[in-house]
Protein backbone atom coordinates (compact mmCIF):
# COMPACT_ATOMS: atom_id res chain seq x y z
CA MET A 1 0.03 -0.11 0.05
CA ALA A 2 1.22 3.60 -0.94
CA ARG A 3 2.12 5.85 2.18
CA TYR A 4 0.60 8.82 0.12
CA SER A 5 -2.91 8.83 -1.92
CA ARG A 6 -2.42 12.07 -3.67
CA VAL A 7 0.88 13.57 -4.33
CA LEU A 8 1.39 16.86 -6.84
CA VAL A 9 5.09 16.32 -8.38
CA LYS A 10 7.01 19.88 -9.12
CA LEU A 11 9.08 19.76 -12.63
CA SER A 12 11.65 21.94 -13.59
CA GLY A 13 12.16 23.33 -17.14
CA GLU A 14 15.30 21.96 -17.24
CA ALA A 15 14.53 18.48 -16.19
CA LEU A 16 12.79 18.11 -19.84
CA ALA A 17 15.85 19.98 -21.67
CA GLY A 18 18.43 17.26 -20.66
CA PRO A 19 22.33 17.57 -21.30
CA ALA A 20 21.20 20.44 -23.72
CA GLY A 21 19.94 22.82 -21.12
CA THR A 22 17.50 24.08 -23.37
CA GLY A 23 14.79 23.12 -25.31
CA VAL A 24 13.43 19.53 -24.94
CA ASP A 25 15.17 16.29 -24.85
CA PRO A 26 13.35 13.10 -26.42
CA GLN A 27 14.96 10.92 -24.15
CA ALA A 28 14.74 13.00 -20.84
CA LEU A 29 10.80 13.58 -21.91
CA ALA A 30 10.35 9.83 -21.72
CA SER A 31 12.13 9.08 -18.51
CA LEU A 32 10.07 11.65 -16.77
CA ALA A 33 7.00 9.97 -18.73
CA GLU A 34 7.75 6.84 -17.10
CA GLU A 35 8.93 8.30 -13.68
CA VAL A 36 5.27 9.72 -13.56
CA LEU A 37 3.52 6.67 -14.92
CA SER A 38 5.17 4.73 -11.99
CA ILE A 39 3.49 6.66 -9.41
CA HIS A 40 0.15 6.42 -11.24
CA GLU A 41 0.48 2.85 -11.25
CA LEU A 42 0.73 2.22 -7.64
CA GLY A 43 -2.88 3.91 -7.52
CA VAL A 44 -1.33 7.16 -6.32
CA GLN A 45 -3.51 10.28 -7.56
CA ILE A 46 -0.93 12.87 -9.28
CA ALA A 47 -0.52 16.00 -10.40
CA VAL A 48 2.32 17.58 -11.90
CA VAL A 49 3.41 21.32 -12.24
CA VAL A 50 5.74 22.00 -14.95
CA GLY A 51 8.28 24.85 -15.36
CA GLY A 52 9.64 26.50 -18.52
CA GLY A 53 13.09 27.76 -17.90
CA ASN A 54 14.00 25.57 -20.90
CA PHE A 55 12.50 27.90 -23.27
CA PHE A 56 12.55 31.02 -21.57
CA ARG A 57 12.89 32.70 -17.83
CA GLY A 58 11.84 35.84 -16.38
CA ARG A 59 15.22 36.75 -15.42
CA MET A 60 16.40 36.69 -18.75
CA ALA A 61 14.51 39.85 -19.86
CA GLU A 62 17.28 42.50 -19.46
CA GLY A 63 19.53 40.64 -21.66
CA TRP A 64 16.80 40.64 -24.27
CA GLY A 65 15.23 43.97 -23.62
CA ILE A 66 11.65 42.82 -22.58
CA GLY A 67 10.16 43.90 -19.54
CA ARG A 68 10.27 41.58 -16.76
CA ALA A 69 6.70 40.82 -16.89
CA GLU A 70 6.30 40.28 -20.63
CA ALA A 71 9.18 38.05 -19.80
CA ASP A 72 7.51 35.84 -17.64
CA SER A 73 4.18 35.85 -19.63
CA ILE A 74 6.34 33.97 -22.46
CA GLY A 75 7.84 31.89 -19.86
CA MET A 76 4.23 30.80 -18.64
CA LEU A 77 3.62 29.73 -22.53
CA GLY A 78 6.90 27.66 -22.43
CA THR A 79 5.38 25.72 -19.36
CA VAL A 80 2.11 24.92 -21.86
CA MET A 81 4.37 24.05 -24.13
CA ASN A 82 6.27 21.54 -21.36
CA ALA A 83 3.13 20.07 -20.74
CA LEU A 84 1.47 19.68 -23.94
CA MET A 85 4.73 17.70 -24.61
CA LEU A 86 4.57 15.67 -21.40
CA ARG A 87 0.85 15.15 -22.17
CA GLY A 88 1.71 13.50 -25.45
CA ALA A 89 5.02 11.36 -24.02
CA LEU A 90 2.22 10.14 -21.38
CA THR A 91 -0.57 9.03 -24.17
CA ALA A 92 1.78 7.18 -26.24
CA ARG A 93 2.36 4.84 -23.09
CA THR A 94 -1.07 4.86 -21.69
CA SER A 95 -4.73 4.37 -21.63
CA ALA A 96 -4.76 6.96 -18.53
CA ASP A 97 -7.27 9.85 -19.03
CA VAL A 98 -4.32 12.61 -19.28
CA ARG A 99 -5.48 16.65 -18.82
CA VAL A 100 -3.54 19.51 -19.21
CA MET A 101 -4.89 22.52 -17.23
CA THR A 102 -3.58 26.02 -17.40
CA ALA A 103 -3.80 29.33 -15.42
CA VAL A 104 -3.59 31.28 -18.67
CA PRO A 105 -6.87 30.26 -20.81
CA ILE A 106 -5.97 28.69 -24.35
CA HIS A 107 -9.02 26.73 -24.69
CA SER A 108 -8.04 25.20 -28.08
CA VAL A 109 -5.26 22.96 -26.39
CA ALA A 110 -6.10 22.32 -22.43
CA GLU A 111 -8.81 23.27 -20.08
CA SER A 112 -8.63 26.02 -17.81
CA PHE A 113 -7.70 25.61 -14.35
CA ILE A 114 -10.82 25.20 -12.16
CA ARG A 115 -9.89 23.45 -8.55
CA LEU A 116 -12.53 21.42 -7.75
CA ARG A 117 -12.54 20.42 -11.73
CA ALA A 118 -8.92 19.36 -10.97
CA GLN A 119 -10.11 17.44 -7.78
CA ARG A 120 -12.49 15.82 -9.95
CA HIS A 121 -10.10 14.67 -12.36
CA LEU A 122 -7.79 13.32 -9.90
CA GLU A 123 -10.56 11.43 -8.27
CA HIS A 124 -11.44 9.52 -11.40
CA GLY A 125 -7.69 8.39 -12.21
CA ALA A 126 -6.56 11.30 -14.49
CA ILE A 127 -3.18 12.29 -14.55
CA VAL A 128 -3.32 16.14 -14.25
CA LEU A 129 -0.90 18.53 -15.48
CA LEU A 130 -0.69 22.02 -14.47
CA ALA A 131 0.74 25.21 -16.40
CA GLY A 132 1.10 28.64 -16.71
CA GLY A 133 2.04 28.99 -13.07
CA ILE A 134 -0.28 31.07 -11.70
CA GLY A 135 -1.32 33.05 -14.56
CA GLN A 136 0.72 35.78 -12.96
CA PRO A 137 3.91 37.69 -13.51
CA TYR A 138 6.93 37.67 -10.75
CA VAL A 139 6.24 34.07 -9.82
CA THR A 140 8.85 31.23 -10.54
CA THR A 141 7.32 27.97 -10.74
CA ASP A 142 7.96 26.96 -7.14
CA TYR A 143 5.12 29.27 -5.72
CA PRO A 144 2.25 27.45 -8.00
CA ALA A 145 3.61 24.44 -6.85
CA VAL A 146 2.95 24.79 -3.28
CA GLN A 147 -0.64 26.75 -4.07
CA ARG A 148 -1.49 23.82 -6.24
CA SER A 149 -0.67 21.53 -3.64
CA LEU A 150 -2.95 23.10 -1.30
CA GLU A 151 -5.78 23.74 -3.47
CA LEU A 152 -5.65 20.27 -4.66
CA GLU A 153 -5.15 18.88 -0.86
CA VAL A 154 -2.03 16.44 -1.46
CA ASP A 155 -0.75 14.47 0.79
CA ALA A 156 2.82 15.81 -0.22
CA LEU A 157 4.79 17.88 -2.54
CA LEU A 158 7.44 16.16 -4.27
CA VAL A 159 9.73 18.19 -5.80
CA ALA A 160 12.29 17.17 -8.65
CA LYS A 161 15.74 19.28 -7.92
CA HIS A 162 17.92 19.11 -11.31
CA GLY A 163 21.59 18.01 -10.26
CA VAL A 164 21.31 17.66 -6.46
CA ASP A 165 19.53 14.86 -4.88
CA GLY A 166 18.34 16.82 -1.39
CA VAL A 167 18.78 19.74 0.63
CA TYR A 168 22.55 20.55 1.76
CA ASP A 169 23.81 22.78 4.34
CA SER A 170 25.73 24.23 1.51
CA ASP A 171 26.58 24.10 -2.20
CA PRO A 172 27.81 20.55 -3.17
CA LYS A 173 28.85 22.12 -6.30
CA LEU A 174 30.98 24.02 -4.71
CA ASN A 175 31.72 22.66 -1.55
CA PRO A 176 32.95 18.50 -1.83
CA GLY A 177 32.23 18.26 2.38
CA ALA A 178 28.59 19.71 2.00
CA GLU A 179 26.11 17.20 4.12
CA ARG A 180 22.64 16.22 2.91
CA PHE A 181 19.99 16.69 5.23
CA ASP A 182 17.68 13.31 5.65
CA ARG A 183 15.22 15.78 7.43
CA LEU A 184 14.36 19.48 7.97
CA THR A 185 12.23 21.77 9.24
CA TYR A 186 10.97 24.92 7.50
CA GLY A 187 12.29 26.74 10.31
CA GLU A 188 15.61 25.50 10.45
CA ALA A 189 15.85 25.82 6.36
CA LEU A 190 14.36 29.64 6.33
CA ARG A 191 16.88 30.41 9.24
CA ALA A 192 19.62 29.24 7.68
CA GLY A 193 18.82 30.67 3.84
CA LEU A 194 18.98 27.39 2.48
CA LYS A 195 17.74 27.52 -1.20
CA VAL A 196 15.04 24.99 -1.08
CA MET A 197 12.41 26.89 -2.84
CA ASP A 198 11.63 30.51 -3.28
CA THR A 199 11.11 32.15 0.30
CA SER A 200 7.59 32.73 -0.38
CA ALA A 201 6.70 29.29 -1.41
CA MET A 202 8.78 28.08 1.51
CA VAL A 203 6.86 30.51 4.03
CA LEU A 204 3.20 29.25 2.26
CA ALA A 205 4.33 25.52 2.65
CA ASN A 206 5.24 26.26 6.64
CA GLU A 207 1.71 28.16 6.91
CA GLN A 208 -0.24 24.94 5.89
CA ASN A 209 2.32 22.41 7.05
CA LEU A 210 2.59 21.05 3.44
CA VAL A 211 5.00 17.52 3.57
CA MET A 212 7.53 17.98 0.75
CA HIS A 213 10.39 16.00 -0.37
CA VAL A 214 13.56 17.16 -2.49
CA PHE A 215 15.35 14.49 -4.69
CA ASP A 216 16.94 14.49 -7.93
CA VAL A 217 14.82 14.23 -10.99
CA ALA A 218 17.47 12.03 -12.70
CA ALA A 219 17.70 9.30 -10.01
CA THR A 220 15.13 6.57 -11.75
CA GLY A 221 12.53 4.97 -9.76
CA VAL A 222 13.12 7.70 -6.89
CA MET A 223 9.58 9.10 -7.19
CA ARG A 224 7.58 5.57 -6.78
CA ASP A 225 10.28 4.68 -4.02
CA ILE A 226 9.07 7.89 -1.95
CA CYS A 227 5.51 7.06 -2.67
CA ALA A 228 5.83 3.76 -1.63
CA GLY A 229 7.32 4.74 1.63
CA ALA A 230 11.02 5.00 1.16
CA ASP A 231 12.87 8.23 2.72
CA VAL A 232 14.77 9.53 -0.24
CA GLY A 233 16.64 12.72 -0.74
CA THR A 234 15.14 14.91 1.67
CA LEU A 235 12.15 15.68 3.56
CA VAL A 236 10.86 18.99 4.61
CA GLY A 237 7.99 19.32 7.06
CA GLN A 238 7.11 21.64 9.75
CA ASN A 239 8.37 19.42 12.68
CA PHE A 240 8.97 16.03 13.43
CA PRO A 241 9.05 13.52 16.29
CA GLY A 242 12.02 12.69 18.44
């Protein structure tokens, strides 16, 4: 029996880009589709928030001579592209219903996000891909991942990191002696200034006592292992016994 009955997975755009770092890599896309399906096959209801950084990021705006709000709108469209690509990869591998829902209405290709409708899709066994962030600029995918997790009343948020297998006390890419946390409270992370997610997302997750697992997106089977009960990566929560 699975540990969780409903989860939300947060995927960065870079996770779909593969080694190139931009665009969509077919092998990376196929691998992510298999990982998502491995959770669904456990009987766990799954929603996915997809980023768009493999196409465009708001912080690139200055270099392109584009205003930040405009750039964020471009980035939101990038998340829709990623969600549609992931839907295509999933539907090629499963007969399960796969829905794309967006915060930015694009009726010809996806449903607009309505909380109760998304919950109904999940209850009926559909995989729900959430794109467009929250439809507003100046927000990265971190905050929508937490907000949608709360709106959909998931048991846990699974944060797939690119190139790191959890939360460390310092940057493991710069400090070979960096130590990974097995468990971490939001308070500890915020006080130490650890880069788990954007501060606004962390504060909201802490206020609502959202359970969060941080892990390496490239590690095969980890999403399923976490849902099945394994403690992989870093577990972030409000408090822990003992």
